[in-house]
Amino acid sequence: MKPETKDTNPKDAIGATKLPMHLIPGSAKAFLSVAFLEGALKYGKYNWRVAGVRASIYMDAMERHLEKWKNGEETDPLTGVPHLASVMACAAIILDARAVGKLTDDRPPAAPVSKLIDDLAPVVRYLQNLYEGEDPHQYTIEDSQWEPESSLKRTTTSTTEHPKPKSSEPLGIKHVETQSERAEFIRAMERK
């Protein structure tokens, strides 16, 4: 992407070579700010720049939020913060902690995964060609047993609705509706 410049404005020639911060969508900044607000209220803003962080803690948090989102939960039922905003916040904290020298990089020993991914591309093409005539139903969130949240909006009362099952409660896990039911459920699980 070549930056546009005006011949008459010398600042354009210099500014056009700098980091294009305007490319970040405003919606991403808005969602990210909500996730960072939650963290600031719980732990203090920029706490990681002083205390430092372990990469594994934030990798795990990103994966938990991503799995919840993949399975139809758009927002955290307690905070109302979108899970994908929390994923972005975790990644941003890792990057920022690394930039300021406060990241403990405790990722596992490296494996040649990048090469493996590239090396498996021919297998993907082979499988696509092998099953070219097949047309099975490709299941999506629309096929879920659970009703995913349809909106990022959240009520401000303590009776926030959660995704409700379309069928009986799977795995014997009780579905809770209110803050007090949620607290009682957590206490019951801790007693087990």
Protein backbone atom coordinates (compact mmCIF):
# COMPACT_ATOMS: atom_id res chain seq x y z
CA MET A 1 0.00 0.00 0.00
CA LYS A 2 1.71 3.15 -1.20
CA PRO A 3 0.89 6.25 0.86
CA GLU A 4 -0.56 9.25 -0.96
CA THR A 5 1.36 12.51 -0.70
CA LYS A 6 0.98 16.04 -2.01
CA ASP A 7 3.89 17.67 -3.77
CA THR A 8 3.11 20.96 -2.03
CA ASN A 9 3.18 19.70 1.55
CA PRO A 10 6.59 18.50 2.82
CA LYS A 11 4.96 17.02 5.96
CA ASP A 12 3.01 14.59 3.75
CA ALA A 13 6.22 13.01 2.46
CA ILE A 14 7.51 12.47 5.99
CA GLY A 15 4.18 11.59 7.65
CA ALA A 16 3.26 9.10 4.94
CA THR A 17 6.23 6.91 5.91
CA LYS A 18 5.23 6.68 9.59
CA LEU A 19 3.12 4.08 11.34
CA PRO A 20 -0.45 4.23 9.92
CA MET A 21 -2.37 4.25 13.21
CA HIS A 22 -5.57 5.24 11.40
CA LEU A 23 -5.88 1.72 9.98
CA ILE A 24 -7.08 0.31 13.32
CA PRO A 25 -10.90 0.30 13.26
CA GLY A 26 -12.55 2.50 15.84
CA SER A 27 -14.77 -0.42 16.86
CA ALA A 28 -11.67 -2.47 17.78
CA LYS A 29 -10.39 0.43 19.89
CA ALA A 30 -13.79 0.76 21.60
CA PHE A 31 -14.06 -2.96 22.43
CA LEU A 32 -10.44 -3.10 23.54
CA SER A 33 -10.97 -0.12 25.85
CA VAL A 34 -13.86 -1.92 27.59
CA ALA A 35 -11.66 -4.97 28.19
CA PHE A 36 -8.84 -2.76 29.51
CA LEU A 37 -11.30 -0.89 31.74
CA GLU A 38 -12.34 -4.19 33.31
CA GLY A 39 -8.68 -5.01 33.96
CA ALA A 40 -7.94 -1.53 35.32
CA LEU A 41 -10.84 -1.75 37.77
CA LYS A 42 -9.81 -5.27 38.90
CA TYR A 43 -6.00 -5.02 38.91
CA GLY A 44 -4.99 -1.39 38.34
CA LYS A 45 -4.16 0.17 34.98
CA TYR A 46 -0.84 -0.80 33.42
CA ASN A 47 -0.12 -3.18 36.33
CA TRP A 48 1.83 -5.50 34.02
CA ARG A 49 4.35 -2.76 33.28
CA VAL A 50 5.38 -2.79 36.94
CA ALA A 51 4.63 -6.32 38.14
CA GLY A 52 5.41 -8.11 34.88
CA VAL A 53 3.47 -11.04 33.41
CA ARG A 54 4.02 -14.61 32.32
CA ALA A 55 3.11 -15.30 28.70
CA SER A 56 1.44 -18.61 29.62
CA ILE A 57 -1.15 -16.92 31.85
CA TYR A 58 -2.31 -14.68 29.00
CA MET A 59 -2.12 -17.48 26.40
CA ASP A 60 -4.44 -19.54 28.61
CA ALA A 61 -6.82 -16.61 29.13
CA MET A 62 -6.94 -15.95 25.37
CA GLU A 63 -7.75 -19.59 24.69
CA ARG A 64 -10.52 -19.66 27.33
CA HIS A 65 -12.14 -16.52 25.92
CA LEU A 66 -11.80 -17.77 22.36
CA GLU A 67 -13.34 -21.16 23.20
CA LYS A 68 -16.28 -19.48 24.93
CA TRP A 69 -16.81 -17.26 21.89
CA LYS A 70 -16.45 -20.19 19.45
CA ASN A 71 -19.16 -21.99 21.41
CA GLY A 72 -21.69 -19.18 21.15
CA GLU A 73 -21.05 -17.03 24.20
CA GLU A 74 -20.47 -13.53 22.80
CA THR A 75 -19.90 -11.79 26.13
CA ASP A 76 -18.80 -12.71 29.62
CA PRO A 77 -22.10 -13.23 31.48
CA LEU A 78 -20.78 -11.56 34.64
CA THR A 79 -19.05 -8.48 33.17
CA GLY A 80 -20.67 -8.01 29.77
CA VAL A 81 -17.23 -7.63 28.18
CA PRO A 82 -17.11 -9.30 24.74
CA HIS A 83 -14.85 -12.36 24.79
CA LEU A 84 -13.07 -11.27 21.60
CA ALA A 85 -12.26 -7.93 23.27
CA SER A 86 -10.64 -9.88 26.10
CA VAL A 87 -8.65 -11.91 23.55
CA MET A 88 -7.36 -8.66 22.03
CA ALA A 89 -6.52 -7.28 25.49
CA CYS A 90 -4.53 -10.39 26.42
CA ALA A 91 -2.53 -10.20 23.20
CA ALA A 92 -1.95 -6.47 23.70
CA ILE A 93 -0.69 -7.03 27.24
CA ILE A 94 1.77 -9.68 26.03
CA LEU A 95 3.05 -7.34 23.30
CA ASP A 96 3.27 -4.34 25.65
CA ALA A 97 4.96 -6.30 28.45
CA ARG A 98 7.51 -7.56 25.92
CA ALA A 99 8.09 -4.00 24.60
CA VAL A 100 8.82 -2.69 28.13
CA GLY A 101 10.88 -5.69 29.24
CA LYS A 102 8.30 -7.07 31.69
CA LEU A 103 7.34 -10.30 29.93
CA THR A 104 8.43 -13.64 31.34
CA ASP A 105 8.39 -15.71 28.17
CA ASP A 106 7.46 -19.14 29.48
CA ARG A 107 6.17 -20.56 26.22
CA PRO A 108 7.07 -24.23 25.78
CA PRO A 109 10.25 -25.15 23.94
CA ALA A 110 9.84 -24.32 20.26
CA ALA A 111 8.90 -26.91 17.68
CA PRO A 112 9.03 -26.43 13.90
CA VAL A 113 5.25 -25.82 13.76
CA SER A 114 5.47 -23.06 11.14
CA LYS A 115 7.28 -25.42 8.78
CA LEU A 116 4.82 -28.21 9.60
CA ILE A 117 1.87 -25.96 8.74
CA ASP A 118 3.47 -25.07 5.41
CA ASP A 119 4.40 -28.71 4.74
CA LEU A 120 0.79 -29.85 5.31
CA ALA A 121 -0.62 -27.52 2.63
CA PRO A 122 -0.29 -30.23 -0.08
CA VAL A 123 -2.23 -32.64 2.16
CA VAL A 124 -5.03 -30.08 2.43
CA ARG A 125 -5.14 -29.70 -1.36
CA TYR A 126 -5.08 -33.50 -1.79
CA LEU A 127 -8.01 -33.97 0.63
CA GLN A 128 -9.99 -31.18 -1.07
CA ASN A 129 -9.48 -32.88 -4.45
CA LEU A 130 -10.25 -36.34 -3.05
CA TYR A 131 -13.63 -35.22 -1.68
CA GLU A 132 -14.40 -32.67 -4.41
CA GLY A 133 -17.76 -34.25 -5.34
CA GLU A 134 -18.98 -34.60 -1.75
CA ASP A 135 -21.43 -32.08 -0.32
CA PRO A 136 -21.97 -32.90 3.37
CA HIS A 137 -23.76 -30.48 5.67
CA GLN A 138 -21.14 -28.18 7.20
CA TYR A 139 -22.26 -27.57 10.77
CA THR A 140 -22.11 -24.07 12.23
CA ILE A 141 -23.22 -22.26 15.36
CA GLU A 142 -26.74 -22.28 13.86
CA ASP A 143 -26.86 -26.07 14.46
CA SER A 144 -26.13 -25.72 18.19
CA GLN A 145 -28.04 -27.42 20.98
CA TRP A 146 -27.57 -24.21 22.94
CA GLU A 147 -29.04 -20.87 21.95
CA PRO A 148 -26.06 -18.52 21.47
CA GLU A 149 -26.32 -14.89 22.49
CA SER A 150 -27.50 -12.83 19.55
CA SER A 151 -26.20 -9.47 20.67
CA LEU A 152 -23.38 -7.75 22.49
CA LYS A 153 -25.94 -5.79 24.50
CA ARG A 154 -26.28 -6.68 28.16
CA THR A 155 -28.76 -5.62 30.77
CA THR A 156 -27.39 -3.85 33.82
CA THR A 157 -29.43 -5.78 36.38
CA SER A 158 -28.21 -8.81 38.29
CA THR A 159 -30.65 -11.03 36.39
CA THR A 160 -28.66 -11.02 33.17
CA GLU A 161 -29.92 -13.74 30.86
CA HIS A 162 -27.53 -16.44 29.73
CA PRO A 163 -27.76 -18.59 26.62
CA LYS A 164 -30.53 -21.10 27.31
CA PRO A 165 -30.38 -24.72 26.27
CA LYS A 166 -32.77 -25.83 23.53
CA SER A 167 -32.85 -29.30 25.09
CA SER A 168 -32.32 -30.76 28.55
CA GLU A 169 -29.27 -29.66 30.56
CA PRO A 170 -26.22 -31.47 29.10
CA LEU A 171 -23.70 -33.17 31.34
CA GLY A 172 -25.87 -32.48 34.41
CA ILE A 173 -24.68 -28.87 34.65
CA LYS A 174 -27.36 -26.62 36.11
CA HIS A 175 -28.18 -23.46 34.15
CA VAL A 176 -28.24 -20.42 36.47
CA GLU A 177 -30.14 -17.20 35.81
CA THR A 178 -29.36 -14.67 38.54
CA GLN A 179 -26.26 -13.44 40.36
CA SER A 180 -27.38 -15.14 43.58
CA GLU A 181 -28.06 -18.44 41.78
CA ARG A 182 -24.62 -18.17 40.17
CA ALA A 183 -22.96 -17.59 43.56
CA GLU A 184 -24.84 -20.53 45.11
CA PHE A 185 -23.90 -22.75 42.16
CA ILE A 186 -20.20 -21.83 42.54
CA ARG A 187 -20.31 -22.54 46.30
CA ALA A 188 -21.94 -25.92 45.61
CA MET A 189 -19.27 -26.80 43.05
CA GLU A 190 -16.50 -25.80 45.49
CA ARG A 191 -17.96 -28.12 48.16
CA LYS A 192 -17.66 -31.14 45.80
